[in-house]
N, C-alpha and C. Protein backbone atom coordinates (compact mmCIF):
# COMPACT_ATOMS: atom_id res chain seq x y z
N MET A 1 -2.43 138.02 148.11
CA MET A 1 -2.66 138.53 146.75
C MET A 1 -1.59 139.35 146.05
N THR A 2 -0.88 140.17 147.02
CA THR A 2 0.20 140.97 146.46
C THR A 2 1.39 139.95 146.17
N TYR A 3 1.50 138.91 146.91
CA TYR A 3 2.67 137.99 146.51
C TYR A 3 2.43 137.32 145.08
N ARG A 4 1.20 137.13 144.94
CA ARG A 4 0.69 136.51 143.58
C ARG A 4 0.92 137.40 142.50
N LYS A 5 0.65 138.74 142.67
CA LYS A 5 0.96 139.64 141.56
C LYS A 5 2.39 139.91 141.37
N THR A 6 3.21 139.76 142.41
CA THR A 6 4.61 139.81 142.27
C THR A 6 5.20 138.60 141.50
N ILE A 7 4.70 137.45 141.73
CA ILE A 7 5.19 136.33 140.97
C ILE A 7 4.65 136.44 139.64
N LEU A 8 3.47 136.84 139.27
CA LEU A 8 2.93 136.89 137.97
C LEU A 8 3.77 137.99 137.06
N CYS A 9 4.02 139.10 137.75
CA CYS A 9 4.88 140.17 137.23
C CYS A 9 6.23 139.66 136.81
N ALA A 10 6.90 138.91 137.68
CA ALA A 10 8.22 138.21 137.51
C ALA A 10 8.09 137.29 136.29
N LEU A 11 7.18 136.42 136.31
CA LEU A 11 7.01 135.42 135.32
C LEU A 11 6.72 136.20 133.85
N PHE A 12 5.97 137.30 133.91
CA PHE A 12 5.72 137.97 132.72
C PHE A 12 6.95 138.69 132.18
N ALA A 13 7.93 139.21 133.13
CA ALA A 13 9.07 139.86 132.53
C ALA A 13 10.07 138.86 132.21
N ALA A 14 10.15 137.63 132.71
CA ALA A 14 11.03 136.56 132.47
C ALA A 14 10.68 136.09 130.93
N SER A 15 9.26 135.83 130.74
CA SER A 15 8.82 135.34 129.43
C SER A 15 9.10 136.45 128.42
N ALA A 16 8.95 137.72 128.60
CA ALA A 16 9.18 138.78 127.74
C ALA A 16 10.69 138.76 127.43
N ALA A 17 11.59 138.52 128.35
CA ALA A 17 13.03 138.53 128.06
C ALA A 17 13.39 137.40 127.17
N VAL A 18 12.71 136.28 127.38
CA VAL A 18 12.93 135.05 126.58
C VAL A 18 12.57 135.37 125.19
N PHE A 19 11.38 135.91 125.07
CA PHE A 19 10.76 136.12 123.61
C PHE A 19 11.65 137.18 122.98
N ALA A 20 12.15 138.25 123.60
CA ALA A 20 12.93 139.27 123.10
C ALA A 20 14.15 138.59 122.53
N GLY A 21 14.84 137.71 123.24
CA GLY A 21 16.07 136.86 122.77
C GLY A 21 15.81 136.13 121.64
N GLN A 22 14.52 135.48 121.61
CA GLN A 22 14.24 134.66 120.33
C GLN A 22 14.13 135.62 119.08
N THR A 23 13.53 136.73 119.34
CA THR A 23 13.26 137.67 118.22
C THR A 23 14.56 138.11 117.63
N ALA A 24 15.48 138.46 118.69
CA ALA A 24 16.80 138.92 118.14
C ALA A 24 17.53 137.93 117.37
N ILE A 25 17.38 136.61 117.70
CA ILE A 25 17.99 135.72 117.03
C ILE A 25 17.47 135.50 115.57
N ALA A 26 16.15 135.53 115.67
CA ALA A 26 15.42 135.41 114.44
C ALA A 26 15.74 136.48 113.43
N ALA A 27 16.29 137.69 113.93
CA ALA A 27 16.55 138.81 113.01
C ALA A 27 17.81 138.68 112.38
N GLY A 28 18.48 137.59 112.50
CA GLY A 28 19.52 137.40 111.53
C GLY A 28 20.72 136.64 111.90
N GLU A 29 20.76 135.64 112.54
CA GLU A 29 21.79 134.68 112.85
C GLU A 29 22.99 135.63 113.15
N ASP A 30 22.78 136.50 114.00
CA ASP A 30 23.85 137.50 114.46
C ASP A 30 24.98 136.97 115.05
N THR A 31 26.07 136.71 114.47
CA THR A 31 27.25 136.20 114.96
C THR A 31 28.62 136.82 114.49
N SER A 32 29.52 137.24 115.32
CA SER A 32 30.65 137.68 114.96
C SER A 32 31.66 136.72 114.57
N ALA A 33 31.42 135.45 114.83
CA ALA A 33 32.43 134.36 114.68
C ALA A 33 32.07 133.79 113.28
N PRO A 34 33.21 133.65 112.54
CA PRO A 34 33.05 133.02 111.06
C PRO A 34 32.68 131.54 111.51
N PRO A 35 32.10 131.01 110.36
CA PRO A 35 31.77 129.60 110.47
C PRO A 35 32.93 128.66 110.75
N LYS A 36 32.58 127.47 111.48
CA LYS A 36 33.87 126.55 111.70
C LYS A 36 34.12 125.93 110.42
N LYS A 37 35.47 125.77 110.27
CA LYS A 37 35.87 125.18 108.84
C LYS A 37 35.61 123.67 109.10
N THR A 38 35.21 123.15 107.94
CA THR A 38 35.06 121.65 107.76
C THR A 38 35.61 121.12 106.63
N LYS A 39 35.43 119.81 106.26
CA LYS A 39 36.04 119.20 105.11
C LYS A 39 35.21 119.94 103.91
N THR A 40 34.11 120.45 104.00
CA THR A 40 33.51 121.13 102.94
C THR A 40 34.40 122.09 102.15
N THR A 41 35.21 122.88 102.96
CA THR A 41 36.05 123.86 102.34
C THR A 41 37.50 123.31 101.99
N SER A 42 37.81 122.35 102.77
CA SER A 42 39.36 121.69 102.56
C SER A 42 39.22 120.60 101.57
N GLU A 43 38.23 119.86 101.38
CA GLU A 43 38.29 118.68 100.47
C GLU A 43 37.31 118.65 99.38
N CYS A 44 36.08 119.38 99.67
CA CYS A 44 35.11 119.22 98.57
C CYS A 44 35.08 120.44 97.45
N THR A 45 34.84 120.00 96.28
CA THR A 45 34.82 121.04 95.12
C THR A 45 33.53 121.12 94.52
N SER A 46 33.50 121.97 93.39
CA SER A 46 32.38 122.13 92.50
C SER A 46 31.02 122.04 93.12
N GLY A 47 30.86 122.83 94.26
CA GLY A 47 29.51 122.81 94.92
C GLY A 47 29.12 121.64 95.71
N LYS A 48 30.05 120.80 95.98
CA LYS A 48 29.93 119.58 96.94
C LYS A 48 30.15 119.96 98.36
N VAL A 49 29.46 119.31 99.18
CA VAL A 49 29.59 119.46 100.62
C VAL A 49 29.89 118.21 101.37
N TRP A 50 30.50 118.34 102.45
CA TRP A 50 30.76 117.19 103.36
C TRP A 50 29.65 116.67 104.06
N ASP A 51 29.38 115.32 103.77
CA ASP A 51 28.35 114.71 104.52
C ASP A 51 28.94 113.86 105.56
N ALA A 52 28.87 114.21 106.75
CA ALA A 52 29.63 113.49 108.00
C ALA A 52 29.03 111.90 108.08
N ARG A 53 27.71 111.81 107.78
CA ARG A 53 27.22 110.38 107.77
C ARG A 53 27.80 109.50 106.73
N LYS A 54 28.06 109.98 105.63
CA LYS A 54 28.64 109.14 104.50
C LYS A 54 30.10 109.34 104.54
N ASN A 55 30.65 110.19 105.29
CA ASN A 55 32.19 110.35 105.32
C ASN A 55 32.73 110.64 103.90
N ALA A 56 31.95 111.60 103.26
CA ALA A 56 32.37 112.00 101.84
C ALA A 56 31.74 113.20 101.33
N CYS A 57 32.37 113.85 100.29
CA CYS A 57 31.74 114.95 99.72
C CYS A 57 30.64 114.42 98.76
N VAL A 58 29.51 115.13 98.97
CA VAL A 58 28.23 114.82 98.09
C VAL A 58 27.82 116.01 97.41
N ASN A 59 27.03 115.75 96.30
CA ASN A 59 26.54 116.77 95.43
C ASN A 59 25.40 117.27 96.31
N ALA A 60 25.43 118.64 96.59
CA ALA A 60 24.46 119.37 97.48
C ALA A 60 22.96 119.18 97.02
N LYS A 61 22.79 119.38 95.63
CA LYS A 61 21.38 119.11 95.11
C LYS A 61 20.83 117.72 95.21
N LYS A 62 21.69 116.71 95.23
CA LYS A 62 21.25 115.33 95.23
C LYS A 62 21.33 114.79 96.63
N SER A 63 21.77 115.55 97.63
CA SER A 63 21.93 114.98 98.91
C SER A 63 20.60 115.09 99.62
N ASP A 64 20.52 114.44 100.80
CA ASP A 64 19.44 114.43 101.68
C ASP A 64 19.77 115.23 102.91
N LEU A 65 20.69 116.08 102.82
CA LEU A 65 21.06 117.01 103.87
C LEU A 65 20.00 118.10 104.08
N SER A 66 19.88 118.41 105.38
CA SER A 66 18.93 119.32 105.71
C SER A 66 19.25 120.77 105.38
N ASP A 67 18.31 121.66 105.16
CA ASP A 67 18.43 123.09 104.72
C ASP A 67 19.56 123.75 105.81
N ASP A 68 19.40 123.47 107.03
CA ASP A 68 20.28 124.05 107.93
C ASP A 68 21.79 123.66 107.57
N ILE A 69 22.02 122.36 107.44
CA ILE A 69 23.38 121.90 107.02
C ILE A 69 23.89 122.54 105.76
N LEU A 70 23.04 122.43 104.68
CA LEU A 70 23.35 123.12 103.52
C LEU A 70 23.70 124.64 103.61
N PHE A 71 22.93 125.42 104.51
CA PHE A 71 23.04 126.69 104.71
C PHE A 71 24.43 127.01 105.35
N GLN A 72 24.66 126.30 106.36
CA GLN A 72 25.93 126.36 107.08
C GLN A 72 27.12 126.09 106.14
N ALA A 73 27.01 125.01 105.31
CA ALA A 73 28.16 124.78 104.29
C ALA A 73 28.36 125.92 103.29
N ALA A 74 27.20 126.52 102.86
CA ALA A 74 27.25 127.70 101.87
C ALA A 74 27.94 128.76 102.58
N ARG A 75 27.65 129.00 103.87
CA ARG A 75 28.10 130.18 104.58
C ARG A 75 29.68 129.94 104.78
N GLU A 76 29.98 128.74 105.11
CA GLU A 76 31.36 128.41 105.24
C GLU A 76 32.14 128.73 104.00
N LEU A 77 31.49 128.27 102.85
CA LEU A 77 32.15 128.46 101.57
C LEU A 77 32.26 129.91 101.19
N ALA A 78 31.33 130.71 101.52
CA ALA A 78 31.22 132.13 101.25
C ALA A 78 32.43 132.79 102.11
N TYR A 79 32.59 132.48 103.32
CA TYR A 79 33.60 133.07 104.14
C TYR A 79 34.98 132.62 103.70
N ALA A 80 35.13 131.50 103.12
CA ALA A 80 36.35 130.99 102.61
C ALA A 80 36.73 131.62 101.14
N GLY A 81 35.82 132.48 100.58
CA GLY A 81 36.02 133.03 99.38
C GLY A 81 35.54 132.33 98.25
N GLN A 82 35.00 131.10 98.53
CA GLN A 82 34.54 130.31 97.39
C GLN A 82 33.00 130.66 97.00
N TYR A 83 32.89 131.79 96.39
CA TYR A 83 31.65 132.32 96.18
C TYR A 83 30.68 131.60 95.29
N GLU A 84 31.33 131.11 94.18
CA GLU A 84 30.57 130.23 93.18
C GLU A 84 30.06 128.95 93.78
N ASN A 85 30.83 128.35 94.67
CA ASN A 85 30.53 127.09 95.26
C ASN A 85 29.39 127.33 96.25
N SER A 86 29.47 128.38 96.97
CA SER A 86 28.48 128.93 97.97
C SER A 86 27.17 129.01 97.26
N ILE A 87 27.18 129.78 96.06
CA ILE A 87 26.09 129.97 95.34
C ILE A 87 25.41 128.55 94.80
N LYS A 88 26.19 127.70 94.49
CA LYS A 88 25.77 126.28 94.02
C LYS A 88 25.09 125.52 95.23
N VAL A 89 25.63 125.68 96.39
CA VAL A 89 25.05 124.98 97.62
C VAL A 89 23.82 125.62 97.97
N LEU A 90 23.82 126.95 98.01
CA LEU A 90 22.44 127.74 98.34
C LEU A 90 21.40 127.41 97.35
N GLY A 91 21.77 127.11 96.13
CA GLY A 91 20.72 126.58 95.13
C GLY A 91 20.09 125.19 95.57
N ALA A 92 20.71 124.50 96.40
CA ALA A 92 20.24 123.22 96.75
C ALA A 92 19.31 123.29 98.02
N VAL A 93 19.22 124.30 98.58
CA VAL A 93 18.39 124.58 99.81
C VAL A 93 17.06 124.52 99.31
N ARG A 94 16.15 123.86 100.08
CA ARG A 94 14.74 123.72 99.53
C ARG A 94 13.95 125.02 99.74
N ASP A 95 14.26 125.73 100.82
CA ASP A 95 13.35 126.91 101.00
C ASP A 95 14.06 128.11 100.44
N GLN A 96 13.90 128.35 99.17
CA GLN A 96 14.48 129.37 98.46
C GLN A 96 14.02 130.81 98.75
N LYS A 97 13.00 130.95 99.33
CA LYS A 97 12.50 132.18 99.77
C LYS A 97 12.85 132.66 101.20
N SER A 98 13.67 131.79 101.88
CA SER A 98 14.14 132.21 103.18
C SER A 98 14.91 133.47 103.18
N ALA A 99 14.75 134.36 104.09
CA ALA A 99 15.56 135.56 104.12
C ALA A 99 17.15 135.18 104.21
N ARG A 100 17.35 134.23 105.04
CA ARG A 100 18.89 133.98 105.27
C ARG A 100 19.57 133.38 103.95
N VAL A 101 18.80 132.65 103.16
CA VAL A 101 19.25 132.12 101.84
C VAL A 101 19.39 133.34 100.86
N LEU A 102 18.44 134.08 100.68
CA LEU A 102 18.45 135.20 99.88
C LEU A 102 19.48 136.15 100.24
N ASN A 103 19.73 136.32 101.52
CA ASN A 103 20.94 137.35 101.91
C ASN A 103 22.16 136.71 101.77
N TYR A 104 22.41 135.39 101.85
CA TYR A 104 23.79 134.93 101.40
C TYR A 104 24.04 134.80 99.90
N LEU A 105 22.81 134.61 99.13
CA LEU A 105 22.97 134.71 97.76
C LEU A 105 23.41 136.12 97.36
N GLY A 106 22.82 137.16 98.10
CA GLY A 106 23.23 138.44 97.98
C GLY A 106 24.76 138.85 98.17
N TYR A 107 25.26 138.19 99.34
CA TYR A 107 26.55 138.30 99.72
C TYR A 107 27.50 137.71 98.79
N ALA A 108 27.27 136.47 98.40
CA ALA A 108 28.07 135.68 97.63
C ALA A 108 28.15 136.28 96.17
N ASN A 109 27.08 136.73 95.67
CA ASN A 109 26.97 137.43 94.29
C ASN A 109 27.80 138.79 94.35
N ARG A 110 27.61 139.63 95.50
CA ARG A 110 28.28 140.86 95.59
C ARG A 110 29.76 140.52 95.63
N LYS A 111 30.27 139.56 96.49
CA LYS A 111 31.54 139.41 96.60
C LYS A 111 32.35 138.84 95.36
N ALA A 112 31.46 138.12 94.60
CA ALA A 112 31.93 137.68 93.35
C ALA A 112 31.98 138.60 92.22
N GLY A 113 31.55 139.89 92.55
CA GLY A 113 31.69 141.01 91.51
C GLY A 113 30.30 141.27 90.83
N ARG A 114 29.22 140.72 91.25
CA ARG A 114 27.95 140.88 90.71
C ARG A 114 27.05 141.81 91.66
N MET A 115 27.45 143.04 91.73
CA MET A 115 26.85 144.07 92.81
C MET A 115 25.37 144.12 92.57
N GLU A 116 24.89 144.38 91.36
CA GLU A 116 23.53 144.60 91.24
C GLU A 116 22.68 143.32 91.48
N LEU A 117 23.14 142.28 91.01
CA LEU A 117 22.47 140.96 91.52
C LEU A 117 22.37 140.80 92.97
N GLY A 118 23.65 141.00 93.52
CA GLY A 118 23.67 140.98 94.97
C GLY A 118 22.64 141.86 95.77
N MET A 119 22.52 143.05 95.22
CA MET A 119 21.53 144.03 95.66
C MET A 119 20.12 143.48 95.58
N GLN A 120 19.84 142.93 94.47
CA GLN A 120 18.50 142.40 94.17
C GLN A 120 18.19 141.37 95.29
N TYR A 121 19.20 140.46 95.61
CA TYR A 121 18.91 139.40 96.60
C TYR A 121 18.75 140.12 97.97
N TYR A 122 19.46 141.04 98.34
CA TYR A 122 19.22 141.75 99.61
C TYR A 122 17.97 142.20 99.76
N LYS A 123 17.47 142.89 98.65
CA LYS A 123 16.10 143.43 98.69
C LYS A 123 15.06 142.37 98.88
N ARG A 124 15.25 141.19 98.09
CA ARG A 124 14.28 140.11 98.35
C ARG A 124 14.49 139.57 99.65
N ALA A 125 15.59 139.54 100.25
CA ALA A 125 15.67 138.89 101.69
C ALA A 125 14.85 139.90 102.52
N LEU A 126 14.93 141.32 102.39
CA LEU A 126 14.14 142.12 103.20
C LEU A 126 12.68 142.14 102.90
N GLN A 127 12.28 141.80 101.68
CA GLN A 127 10.89 141.59 101.43
C GLN A 127 10.40 140.29 102.18
N ALA A 128 11.20 139.29 102.24
CA ALA A 128 10.80 138.18 102.92
C ALA A 128 10.74 138.32 104.54
N ASP A 129 11.66 139.26 104.98
CA ASP A 129 11.61 139.56 106.46
C ASP A 129 12.31 140.87 106.57
N GLU A 130 11.58 141.87 106.82
CA GLU A 130 11.92 143.34 106.94
C GLU A 130 12.94 143.49 108.23
N ASN A 131 12.83 142.65 109.04
CA ASN A 131 13.64 142.56 110.32
C ASN A 131 14.90 141.87 110.27
N TYR A 132 15.17 141.36 109.07
CA TYR A 132 16.52 140.60 108.99
C TYR A 132 17.67 141.50 109.06
N ILE A 133 18.20 141.80 110.06
CA ILE A 133 19.23 142.80 110.23
C ILE A 133 20.52 142.56 109.51
N LEU A 134 20.73 141.36 109.48
CA LEU A 134 22.04 140.99 108.70
C LEU A 134 22.00 141.41 107.23
N ALA A 135 20.88 141.25 106.67
CA ALA A 135 20.67 141.68 105.21
C ALA A 135 20.91 143.18 105.18
N ARG A 136 20.37 143.80 106.18
CA ARG A 136 20.39 145.28 106.26
C ARG A 136 21.89 145.60 106.30
N SER A 137 22.76 145.03 107.11
CA SER A 137 24.06 145.22 107.29
C SER A 137 24.85 145.02 106.01
N TYR A 138 24.67 143.92 105.45
CA TYR A 138 25.30 143.61 104.07
C TYR A 138 24.91 144.49 103.05
N MET A 139 23.61 144.84 102.94
CA MET A 139 23.24 145.81 101.85
C MET A 139 23.94 147.13 102.24
N GLY A 140 24.05 147.64 103.53
CA GLY A 140 24.63 148.86 103.85
C GLY A 140 26.04 148.84 103.40
N GLN A 141 26.77 147.83 103.63
CA GLN A 141 28.12 147.62 103.13
C GLN A 141 28.25 147.75 101.57
N ALA A 142 27.26 147.18 100.93
CA ALA A 142 27.33 147.23 99.54
C ALA A 142 27.07 148.61 98.99
N LEU A 143 26.10 149.34 99.72
CA LEU A 143 25.90 150.66 99.41
C LEU A 143 27.07 151.48 99.57
N ILE A 144 27.85 151.34 100.56
CA ILE A 144 29.13 152.07 100.87
C ILE A 144 30.17 151.70 99.75
N GLU A 145 30.28 150.55 99.12
CA GLU A 145 31.05 150.20 97.99
C GLU A 145 30.66 150.98 96.91
N GLN A 146 29.35 151.18 96.66
CA GLN A 146 28.81 151.98 95.60
C GLN A 146 28.83 153.40 95.66
N GLY A 147 29.46 154.03 96.75
CA GLY A 147 29.38 155.29 97.02
C GLY A 147 28.17 156.06 97.51
N LYS A 148 27.23 155.09 98.09
CA LYS A 148 25.95 155.62 98.59
C LYS A 148 25.92 155.69 100.13
N VAL A 149 26.74 156.47 100.61
CA VAL A 149 27.01 156.46 101.98
C VAL A 149 25.67 156.84 102.91
N GLU A 150 24.92 157.83 102.43
CA GLU A 150 23.73 158.20 103.14
C GLU A 150 22.73 157.05 103.09
N ASP A 151 22.58 156.34 101.98
CA ASP A 151 21.69 155.18 102.01
C ASP A 151 22.30 154.07 102.95
N ALA A 152 23.47 153.94 103.10
CA ALA A 152 24.05 153.06 104.00
C ALA A 152 23.70 153.49 105.50
N ARG A 153 23.68 154.66 105.74
CA ARG A 153 23.32 155.17 107.11
C ARG A 153 21.92 155.01 107.40
N VAL A 154 21.05 154.97 106.38
CA VAL A 154 19.65 154.84 106.55
C VAL A 154 19.50 153.17 107.06
N GLN A 155 20.25 152.24 106.44
CA GLN A 155 20.27 150.92 106.96
C GLN A 155 20.86 150.78 108.34
N LEU A 156 21.75 151.54 108.67
CA LEU A 156 22.28 151.51 110.11
C LEU A 156 21.14 151.90 111.12
N VAL A 157 20.53 153.03 110.70
CA VAL A 157 19.36 153.46 111.60
C VAL A 157 18.31 152.35 111.61
N GLU A 158 17.94 151.76 110.55
CA GLU A 158 17.07 150.65 110.46
C GLU A 158 17.33 149.55 111.33
N ILE A 159 18.55 149.21 111.46
CA ILE A 159 19.23 148.11 112.24
C ILE A 159 18.89 148.58 113.76
N ARG A 160 19.28 149.59 114.06
CA ARG A 160 19.17 150.32 115.40
C ARG A 160 17.70 150.32 115.80
N ASP A 161 16.84 150.76 114.91
CA ASP A 161 15.36 150.93 115.26
C ASP A 161 14.68 149.57 115.36
N ARG A 162 15.32 148.59 114.82
CA ARG A 162 14.67 147.23 114.96
C ARG A 162 15.33 146.47 116.24
N GLY A 163 15.91 147.14 116.96
CA GLY A 163 16.49 146.46 118.15
C GLY A 163 17.90 145.88 118.07
N GLY A 164 18.60 146.20 116.99
CA GLY A 164 19.88 145.65 116.69
C GLY A 164 20.95 146.36 116.89
N GLU A 165 21.07 147.37 117.82
CA GLU A 165 22.12 148.13 118.09
C GLU A 165 23.32 147.34 118.74
N ASP A 166 23.02 146.36 119.52
CA ASP A 166 24.06 145.56 120.30
C ASP A 166 24.45 144.39 119.40
N THR A 167 24.24 144.35 118.18
CA THR A 167 24.66 143.15 117.41
C THR A 167 25.96 143.40 116.46
N TRP A 168 26.43 142.28 115.91
CA TRP A 168 27.43 142.32 114.99
C TRP A 168 27.08 142.99 113.72
N ALA A 169 25.82 142.80 113.32
CA ALA A 169 25.27 143.49 112.07
C ALA A 169 25.46 144.94 112.17
N TYR A 170 25.01 145.51 113.26
CA TYR A 170 25.12 146.97 113.53
C TYR A 170 26.64 147.41 113.58
N ARG A 171 27.37 146.74 114.47
CA ARG A 171 28.84 147.10 114.58
C ARG A 171 29.44 147.11 113.38
N SER A 172 29.31 146.02 112.52
CA SER A 172 29.99 145.87 111.29
C SER A 172 29.75 146.98 110.27
N LEU A 173 28.44 147.30 110.19
CA LEU A 173 28.07 148.43 109.25
C LEU A 173 28.59 149.74 109.86
N LEU A 174 28.53 150.05 111.19
CA LEU A 174 29.07 151.16 111.74
C LEU A 174 30.51 151.25 111.46
N GLN A 175 31.24 150.30 111.54
CA GLN A 175 32.73 150.28 111.36
C GLN A 175 32.91 150.49 109.87
N SER A 176 32.13 149.89 108.93
CA SER A 176 32.22 150.31 107.45
C SER A 176 31.97 151.86 107.14
N LEU A 177 31.15 152.42 108.07
CA LEU A 177 30.97 153.89 107.89
C LEU A 177 31.97 154.60 108.64
N GLY A 178 32.96 154.05 109.06
CA GLY A 178 34.05 154.83 109.72
C GLY A 178 33.86 154.82 111.25
N GLY A 179 33.01 154.19 111.78
CA GLY A 179 32.75 154.16 113.27
C GLY A 179 32.01 155.35 113.82
N VAL A 180 31.50 156.14 113.04
CA VAL A 180 30.88 157.46 113.46
C VAL A 180 29.21 157.36 113.30
N ARG A 181 28.58 157.51 114.35
CA ARG A 181 27.10 157.54 114.19
C ARG A 181 26.78 158.93 113.81
N GLN A 182 26.05 159.16 112.72
CA GLN A 182 25.59 160.45 112.32
C GLN A 182 24.09 160.43 112.15
N TYR A 183 23.29 160.08 113.13
CA TYR A 183 21.81 160.12 113.07
C TYR A 183 21.44 160.83 114.29
């Protein structure tokens, strides 16, 4: 009987660890690596994306590419500084209420100089998923750009309190705050 309890406890602990890992991933595609460059950024223009099956640039809105492929292309474009193209591609994603799409619409608009619109998208991303820590990190960075350092610190604490202290989202915002925890 004791052996059974030990096995059950071990199984419970293992499944809890797996669930926690899945929750952390769901909290924001936390990655410190920029997206891999593809022909989307080197050959495609005007909001088009590379379709590997067709071996050509295609209109994102008219393509049959999945939301995941479109999102990754939009992320790649944003990282390459092609904010307007990123916004066009994000507009082709079917799930416009997705926290990740709203977050990157915030990021691309903020980087394109439309701070208020970017902030609106970050807020909508957090309404869609209050645990989406990447939106909290980007929002915090935007708040710093606006001189609202205390509000940015609130977002840092929110990331920490949502289990994100060991994530890129947390480290990035902390670095933007000068690398000093003040909570």
